[in-house]
Amino acid sequence: MTTHDTRPGSAGGADTPGPLHGGPDDDYTPEQLAAMSRDDLDRLGARYDGVQVLHVDPGPEPGSALERRYVRQVGAVFMLAGLAAFAFVVVYVGSGWFLPDWEWTIDAGTWSSLFTPLLGLLMGLSLTLVGVGMVLYSKKLLPHETAVQDKHDGSHFDRVTTGATLVSGLHKSGLARRKLITRSLAFMGGGLGLMLLMPLGGLLKNPNTGNPLGRTSWAQGVRLLRDDGTPIRPGDQVPGSLETVFPAVTGGNRESDAATMLIRLRPEQVAVDRPREGQADFGYGDYVAYSKICTHAGCPVSLYEQETSRILCPCHQSQFDITQGAKPIFGPATRALPQLPLALDDEGYFVARSDYIEAVGPTYWNRERI
């Protein structure tokens, strides 16, 4: 009976004359394979797995001037990535506190902001530098090996070899002795971690706390402004007309949920007007105001047919009767348009008496249908 040498690093019988049989999984136990080094596994795999190494480039010589230069380059890129990440954190946390708001008004009702673009720029720069640093490290400092291996079915030997390859790659990467790179990686990792956690802080600093879906910027004493920013007095509109108005607050014209229709009823409409319960005093004279946001899907209800007293949503054809408190009378909408209570200020301009008493738009699906 022929026996084979099964010590780590031997060929397991593959080096003896005669037909080959079995393989590393047959000739070695899993424990013996796990105890072998990557070089020992290479010697086994070269016969059984058909691995052919075509070219090996070990990279710069350890301790050489070339290696030190590459280490400085990679470390600098990783440090810049960390700085960009920390700058993101500073801008995110400090805006409006010890940094400016990054906002300015262009003209009445319009504004601009650098806050979000600046955050995007810093995050993009940080992640780009991470990629650049990894490419430089791979190209300049890692050893390069070109090998060819026939495709085959996996085995325990293959799994052990893969694990040993990963461990060997870590050792060959030189990270353990390249302190500048490891420190820059630690700095960069801290910056990236904070940068990625910062958006969660918006849950704490979000000003829309309490009831964000149930309120708008309308409030007691807030004037009604046209799209051009001018206020409105009774008599400015002819009977049967509709005017889209916005709250007179900073950036009011950009708050889509506050868009409101100010309608002056005709005399025959006033005669048959039946406000909803509890809202009989929400109008002012022959003026009423309703939300411009459809209660079905949030589309703008912008078509008004004064002959039939109907407001039409052009998207899904919901219709609302303004002489019945803007209740839906046709289409998929099931909830009336919220009504804005009106009053006049000391100068005779229209103002809101309060915010809408119910949510605007397609919110609160389980509310009572009215």
Protein backbone atom coordinates (compact mmCIF):
# COMPACT_ATOMS: atom_id res chain seq x y z
CA MET A 1 0.00 0.00 0.00
CA THR A 2 1.33 3.36 -0.98
CA THR A 3 1.14 6.18 1.53
CA HIS A 4 1.40 9.87 0.78
CA ASP A 5 2.99 12.72 2.68
CA THR A 6 0.16 14.79 4.17
CA ARG A 7 2.21 17.31 6.08
CA PRO A 8 1.33 20.99 5.44
CA GLY A 9 3.01 22.15 2.26
CA SER A 10 3.28 18.69 0.66
CA ALA A 11 1.55 17.78 -2.59
CA GLY A 12 -0.59 15.14 -0.93
CA GLY A 13 0.49 12.42 -3.36
CA ALA A 14 0.17 14.52 -6.47
CA ASP A 15 3.94 14.42 -6.97
CA THR A 16 4.15 10.60 -7.25
CA PRO A 17 4.00 8.69 -10.53
CA GLY A 18 0.75 7.09 -11.58
CA PRO A 19 -2.81 8.28 -12.13
CA LEU A 20 -3.99 11.19 -10.00
CA HIS A 21 -6.83 10.56 -7.62
CA GLY A 22 -8.79 12.61 -5.12
CA GLY A 23 -7.57 16.15 -4.41
CA PRO A 24 -6.78 18.36 -1.42
CA ASP A 25 -10.22 17.67 0.07
CA ASP A 26 -9.55 13.91 -0.11
CA ASP A 27 -5.91 13.98 0.92
CA TYR A 28 -6.20 16.48 3.81
CA THR A 29 -8.64 17.00 6.62
CA PRO A 30 -10.40 20.38 6.96
CA GLU A 31 -8.28 21.08 10.04
CA GLN A 32 -5.05 20.45 8.11
CA LEU A 33 -6.16 22.73 5.27
CA ALA A 34 -7.14 25.48 7.73
CA ALA A 35 -3.66 25.31 9.32
CA MET A 36 -1.83 25.83 6.02
CA SER A 37 -0.42 29.16 4.91
CA ARG A 38 -1.35 30.84 1.65
CA ASP A 39 1.94 29.65 0.09
CA ASP A 40 1.24 26.05 1.13
CA LEU A 41 -2.22 26.27 -0.41
CA ASP A 42 -0.71 27.80 -3.54
CA ARG A 43 1.52 24.76 -3.96
CA LEU A 44 -1.47 22.45 -3.73
CA GLY A 45 -3.63 24.56 -5.98
CA ALA A 46 -0.98 24.86 -8.66
CA ARG A 47 -1.37 21.13 -9.39
CA TYR A 48 -5.01 20.47 -8.65
CA ASP A 49 -6.67 23.81 -9.62
CA GLY A 50 -4.48 24.73 -12.56
CA VAL A 51 -3.45 28.19 -11.29
CA GLN A 52 -0.86 29.78 -13.54
CA VAL A 53 0.81 32.99 -12.34
CA LEU A 54 1.70 35.09 -15.35
CA HIS A 55 3.15 38.20 -13.74
CA VAL A 56 3.91 39.55 -10.28
CA ASP A 57 4.63 43.21 -9.48
CA PRO A 58 5.44 43.58 -5.77
CA GLY A 59 5.03 47.35 -5.80
CA PRO A 60 7.46 49.90 -4.37
CA GLU A 61 10.18 48.59 -2.10
CA PRO A 62 9.29 48.96 1.60
CA GLY A 63 10.96 52.03 3.09
CA SER A 64 12.02 53.45 -0.28
CA ALA A 65 11.62 57.11 -1.22
CA LEU A 66 9.05 56.13 -3.86
CA GLU A 67 6.91 54.32 -1.30
CA ARG A 68 7.07 57.28 1.10
CA ARG A 69 5.95 59.63 -1.66
CA TYR A 70 2.99 57.42 -2.55
CA VAL A 71 2.05 57.10 1.13
CA ARG A 72 2.04 60.89 1.48
CA GLN A 73 -0.16 61.26 -1.60
CA VAL A 74 -2.73 58.70 -0.46
CA GLY A 75 -2.72 60.00 3.11
CA ALA A 76 -3.27 63.58 1.89
CA VAL A 77 -6.28 62.54 -0.22
CA PHE A 78 -7.86 60.65 2.69
CA MET A 79 -7.25 63.62 5.00
CA LEU A 80 -8.95 65.97 2.51
CA ALA A 81 -11.90 63.58 2.33
CA GLY A 82 -12.18 63.73 6.11
CA LEU A 83 -11.93 67.53 6.12
CA ALA A 84 -14.74 67.80 3.57
CA ALA A 85 -16.88 65.49 5.70
CA PHE A 86 -16.24 67.53 8.86
CA ALA A 87 -17.00 70.72 6.89
CA PHE A 88 -20.37 69.16 5.98
CA VAL A 89 -21.06 68.62 9.68
CA VAL A 90 -20.08 72.20 10.55
CA VAL A 91 -22.33 73.71 7.87
CA TYR A 92 -25.24 71.42 8.76
CA VAL A 93 -25.08 72.12 12.49
CA GLY A 94 -23.93 75.73 12.39
CA SER A 95 -26.29 77.18 9.77
CA GLY A 96 -28.44 79.78 11.49
CA TRP A 97 -26.45 79.43 14.72
CA PHE A 98 -22.85 80.59 14.38
CA LEU A 99 -22.91 80.56 10.55
CA PRO A 100 -25.18 82.60 8.25
CA ASP A 101 -28.49 81.17 7.01
CA TRP A 102 -27.12 81.00 3.44
CA GLU A 103 -30.39 82.55 2.23
CA TRP A 104 -31.25 85.84 0.60
CA THR A 105 -34.30 87.47 -0.98
CA ILE A 106 -34.14 88.19 -4.69
CA ASP A 107 -37.38 90.15 -4.92
CA ALA A 108 -40.83 90.14 -3.38
CA GLY A 109 -41.97 86.62 -2.72
CA THR A 110 -38.91 84.82 -4.10
CA TRP A 111 -35.75 83.75 -2.37
CA SER A 112 -32.65 81.67 -2.84
CA SER A 113 -30.50 79.49 -0.59
CA LEU A 114 -27.00 78.04 -0.67
CA PHE A 115 -27.53 75.72 2.29
CA THR A 116 -28.62 72.55 0.44
CA PRO A 117 -26.25 73.00 -2.56
CA LEU A 118 -23.36 73.57 -0.16
CA LEU A 119 -24.17 70.37 1.73
CA GLY A 120 -24.36 68.45 -1.53
CA LEU A 121 -21.06 69.89 -2.72
CA LEU A 122 -19.23 68.96 0.49
CA MET A 123 -20.69 65.45 0.64
CA GLY A 124 -19.92 64.85 -3.04
CA LEU A 125 -16.38 66.15 -2.61
CA SER A 126 -15.79 63.91 0.41
CA LEU A 127 -17.06 60.76 -1.28
CA THR A 128 -15.15 61.57 -4.48
CA LEU A 129 -11.91 61.95 -2.54
CA VAL A 130 -12.55 58.62 -0.82
CA GLY A 131 -12.76 56.99 -4.24
CA VAL A 132 -9.66 58.79 -5.50
CA GLY A 133 -7.70 57.72 -2.42
CA MET A 134 -8.71 54.08 -2.80
CA VAL A 135 -7.75 54.07 -6.48
CA LEU A 136 -4.37 55.67 -5.72
CA TYR A 137 -3.71 53.17 -2.93
CA SER A 138 -4.56 50.25 -5.19
CA LYS A 139 -2.51 51.53 -8.12
CA LYS A 140 0.54 52.80 -6.25
CA LEU A 141 1.00 50.68 -3.13
CA LEU A 142 -0.64 47.27 -3.51
CA PRO A 143 1.24 44.39 -5.18
CA HIS A 144 -0.20 43.34 -8.51
CA GLU A 145 -0.48 39.74 -9.65
CA THR A 146 -1.78 38.41 -12.95
CA ALA A 147 -2.95 34.80 -12.74
CA VAL A 148 -5.12 32.42 -14.74
CA GLN A 149 -7.26 29.73 -13.13
CA ASP A 150 -9.65 27.28 -14.72
CA LYS A 151 -13.27 27.48 -13.58
CA HIS A 152 -14.27 24.59 -11.35
CA ASP A 153 -16.78 23.57 -8.72
CA GLY A 154 -16.23 24.95 -5.24
CA SER A 155 -14.93 22.84 -2.39
CA HIS A 156 -13.76 23.21 1.15
CA PHE A 157 -10.25 23.65 -0.20
CA ASP A 158 -11.49 26.59 -2.29
CA ARG A 159 -13.19 28.20 0.69
CA VAL A 160 -10.09 27.89 2.86
CA THR A 161 -7.97 29.25 0.02
CA THR A 162 -10.27 32.25 -0.38
CA GLY A 163 -10.04 33.06 3.33
CA ALA A 164 -6.30 32.71 3.30
CA THR A 165 -6.12 34.96 0.25
CA LEU A 166 -8.04 37.71 2.05
CA VAL A 167 -5.79 37.52 5.11
CA SER A 168 -2.71 37.43 2.92
CA GLY A 169 -3.95 40.46 1.00
CA LEU A 170 -4.27 42.41 4.23
CA HIS A 171 -0.70 41.55 5.17
CA LYS A 172 0.60 42.43 1.72
CA SER A 173 -1.28 45.75 1.70
CA GLY A 174 1.26 47.20 4.11
CA LEU A 175 -1.36 49.07 6.15
CA ALA A 176 0.14 47.86 9.43
CA ARG A 177 3.43 49.68 8.79
CA ARG A 178 2.07 52.70 6.88
CA LYS A 179 0.96 54.73 9.89
CA LEU A 180 0.22 57.89 7.93
CA ILE A 181 -2.40 56.10 5.86
CA THR A 182 -4.00 54.32 8.82
CA ARG A 183 -4.28 57.61 10.72
CA SER A 184 -5.74 59.42 7.71
CA LEU A 185 -8.21 56.55 7.28
CA ALA A 186 -9.26 56.86 10.91
CA PHE A 187 -9.71 60.63 10.54
CA MET A 188 -11.66 60.18 7.31
CA GLY A 189 -13.82 57.44 8.84
CA GLY A 190 -14.79 59.70 11.73
CA GLY A 191 -15.74 62.51 9.36
CA LEU A 192 -17.74 60.23 7.09
CA GLY A 193 -19.55 58.67 10.03
CA LEU A 194 -20.63 62.06 11.38
CA MET A 195 -21.58 63.28 7.92
CA LEU A 196 -23.85 60.30 7.34
CA LEU A 197 -25.42 60.67 10.80
CA MET A 198 -26.15 64.40 10.44
CA PRO A 199 -29.32 64.05 8.35
CA LEU A 200 -30.84 62.13 11.26
CA GLY A 201 -30.39 65.29 13.32
CA GLY A 202 -33.04 66.91 11.16
CA LEU A 203 -35.57 64.92 13.12
CA LEU A 204 -34.51 66.93 16.18
CA LYS A 205 -34.11 70.39 14.61
CA ASN A 206 -37.11 70.12 12.26
CA PRO A 207 -39.29 73.19 12.88
CA ASN A 208 -42.39 71.34 11.69
CA THR A 209 -43.12 69.74 15.03
CA GLY A 210 -46.49 69.18 16.58
CA ASN A 211 -48.91 69.05 13.64
CA PRO A 212 -47.04 69.74 10.36
CA LEU A 213 -49.76 68.28 8.12
CA GLY A 214 -52.52 70.17 9.88
CA ARG A 215 -51.21 73.73 9.64
CA THR A 216 -50.01 76.28 7.11
CA SER A 217 -48.41 79.72 7.39
CA TRP A 218 -51.79 81.42 7.62
CA ALA A 219 -52.43 82.91 11.05
CA GLN A 220 -54.38 85.66 12.74
CA GLY A 221 -53.67 89.04 11.13
CA VAL A 222 -51.70 87.67 8.12
CA ARG A 223 -52.58 89.67 5.02
CA LEU A 224 -53.79 88.14 1.77
CA LEU A 225 -51.41 89.00 -1.07
CA ARG A 226 -51.79 88.60 -4.81
CA ASP A 227 -49.15 86.77 -6.79
CA ASP A 228 -47.36 90.10 -7.38
CA GLY A 229 -47.20 90.78 -3.63
CA THR A 230 -49.90 93.45 -3.41
CA PRO A 231 -52.63 93.34 -0.71
CA ILE A 232 -56.36 93.28 -1.47
CA ARG A 233 -59.24 95.43 -0.25
CA PRO A 234 -62.97 94.71 -0.57
CA GLY A 235 -64.08 96.10 -3.90
CA ASP A 236 -60.85 95.27 -5.71
CA GLN A 237 -62.57 92.28 -7.34
CA VAL A 238 -65.70 92.26 -9.45
CA PRO A 239 -68.57 89.95 -8.43
CA GLY A 240 -68.08 86.43 -9.75
CA SER A 241 -64.26 86.68 -9.92
CA LEU A 242 -61.55 84.53 -8.35
CA GLU A 243 -58.10 85.64 -7.21
CA THR A 244 -55.29 83.32 -6.04
CA VAL A 245 -53.73 84.72 -2.86
CA PHE A 246 -50.84 83.84 -0.56
CA PRO A 247 -49.94 84.70 3.06
CA ALA A 248 -47.88 87.83 3.63
CA VAL A 249 -44.99 86.03 5.31
CA THR A 250 -41.36 85.53 4.30
CA GLY A 251 -41.32 83.34 1.23
CA GLY A 252 -45.12 83.16 1.21
CA ASN A 253 -45.38 82.76 -2.54
CA ARG A 254 -43.37 79.55 -2.44
CA GLU A 255 -45.53 77.78 0.15
CA SER A 256 -47.76 75.69 -2.06
CA ASP A 257 -49.92 74.37 0.76
CA ALA A 258 -51.01 77.93 1.62
CA ALA A 259 -52.31 78.83 -1.86
CA THR A 260 -55.88 80.11 -1.43
CA MET A 261 -58.73 81.15 -3.72
CA LEU A 262 -60.39 84.46 -2.78
CA ILE A 263 -63.81 84.53 -4.46
CA ARG A 264 -66.31 87.39 -4.62
CA LEU A 265 -69.78 85.92 -4.89
CA ARG A 266 -72.46 87.34 -7.11
CA PRO A 267 -75.67 88.61 -5.44
CA GLU A 268 -77.67 85.55 -6.51
CA GLN A 269 -74.95 83.31 -5.06
CA VAL A 270 -74.98 85.16 -1.75
CA ALA A 271 -78.76 84.60 -1.56
CA VAL A 272 -78.39 80.80 -1.72
CA ASP A 273 -75.10 80.51 0.16
CA ARG A 274 -75.26 77.81 2.85
CA PRO A 275 -71.98 77.71 4.80
CA ARG A 276 -70.94 74.55 6.59
CA GLU A 277 -71.83 74.15 10.26
CA GLY A 278 -69.64 76.31 12.49
CA GLN A 279 -68.28 78.35 9.56
CA ALA A 280 -71.12 80.80 8.97
CA ASP A 281 -68.89 83.78 9.85
CA PHE A 282 -65.81 82.66 7.89
CA GLY A 283 -66.63 84.86 4.92
CA TYR A 284 -66.54 88.67 4.81
CA GLY A 285 -69.52 90.26 3.10
CA ASP A 286 -69.75 88.65 -0.34
CA TYR A 287 -66.17 87.28 -0.14
CA VAL A 288 -65.20 83.71 0.70
CA ALA A 289 -61.78 82.02 0.64
CA TYR A 290 -61.04 78.32 0.11
CA SER A 291 -57.88 76.27 -0.16
CA LYS A 292 -56.59 75.84 -3.70
CA ILE A 293 -55.39 72.28 -2.95
CA CYS A 294 -57.77 69.51 -3.97
CA THR A 295 -58.68 67.16 -1.14
CA HIS A 296 -58.49 64.14 -3.47
CA ALA A 297 -54.85 64.04 -4.66
CA GLY A 298 -53.44 67.50 -3.90
CA CYS A 299 -53.83 68.95 -7.41
CA PRO A 300 -54.53 72.69 -7.84
CA VAL A 301 -58.26 73.43 -8.23
CA SER A 302 -58.00 76.41 -10.52
CA LEU A 303 -61.11 76.37 -12.74
CA TYR A 304 -64.12 78.38 -11.54
CA GLU A 305 -67.50 78.39 -13.27
CA GLN A 306 -69.43 81.24 -11.72
CA GLU A 307 -72.72 80.42 -13.52
CA THR A 308 -72.93 77.06 -11.70
CA SER A 309 -70.95 78.12 -8.58
CA ARG A 310 -68.60 75.20 -9.12
CA ILE A 311 -64.84 74.93 -8.67
CA LEU A 312 -63.29 72.23 -10.86
CA CYS A 313 -60.11 70.23 -10.37
CA PRO A 314 -58.80 69.69 -13.93
CA CYS A 315 -56.73 66.63 -12.98
CA HIS A 316 -59.43 64.18 -11.86
CA GLN A 317 -62.59 66.26 -12.45
CA SER A 318 -63.66 66.69 -8.84
CA GLN A 319 -66.19 69.51 -8.49
CA PHE A 320 -66.96 71.63 -5.41
CA ASP A 321 -69.97 73.92 -4.85
CA ILE A 322 -68.98 77.18 -3.19
CA THR A 323 -72.56 77.96 -2.18
CA GLN A 324 -72.51 74.78 -0.04
CA GLY A 325 -69.25 75.39 1.78
CA ALA A 326 -67.20 73.99 -1.14
CA LYS A 327 -68.54 70.47 -0.61
CA PRO A 328 -67.67 67.91 -3.30
CA ILE A 329 -70.62 67.22 -5.61
CA PHE A 330 -68.86 65.24 -8.34
CA GLY A 331 -65.68 63.21 -8.84
CA PRO A 332 -63.39 61.26 -6.52
CA ALA A 333 -62.94 63.94 -3.83
CA THR A 334 -64.84 63.09 -0.64
CA ARG A 335 -63.92 66.04 1.58
CA ALA A 336 -64.82 69.71 1.24
CA LEU A 337 -62.17 72.31 0.52
CA PRO A 338 -61.02 73.90 3.80
CA GLN A 339 -62.27 77.47 4.24
CA LEU A 340 -60.05 80.33 5.43
CA PRO A 341 -61.77 82.73 7.89
CA LEU A 342 -61.52 86.36 6.70
CA ALA A 343 -61.38 89.78 8.35
CA LEU A 344 -60.04 93.29 7.64
CA ASP A 345 -57.07 94.96 9.28
CA ASP A 346 -56.86 98.59 10.40
CA GLU A 347 -55.94 99.71 6.87
CA GLY A 348 -58.88 97.95 5.30
CA TYR A 349 -56.98 95.06 3.71
CA PHE A 350 -58.05 91.44 3.86
CA VAL A 351 -56.35 89.35 6.55
CA ALA A 352 -56.84 85.86 7.89
CA ARG A 353 -58.55 85.47 11.26
CA SER A 354 -56.64 82.23 11.85
CA ASP A 355 -55.13 79.31 10.01
CA TYR A 356 -57.39 76.75 8.34
CA ILE A 357 -59.23 74.84 11.04
CA GLU A 358 -58.68 71.55 9.16
CA ALA A 359 -55.86 70.06 7.14
CA VAL A 360 -55.47 71.14 3.53
CA GLY A 361 -54.85 68.71 0.69
CA PRO A 362 -55.12 64.91 0.59
CA THR A 363 -54.30 64.36 4.26
CA TYR A 364 -56.01 62.53 7.09
CA TRP A 365 -57.71 59.91 4.93
CA ASN A 366 -59.61 58.56 7.92
CA ARG A 367 -61.28 61.88 8.76
CA GLU A 368 -65.03 62.20 8.76
CA ARG A 369 -66.25 63.03 5.27
CA ILE A 370 -67.92 66.44 5.22
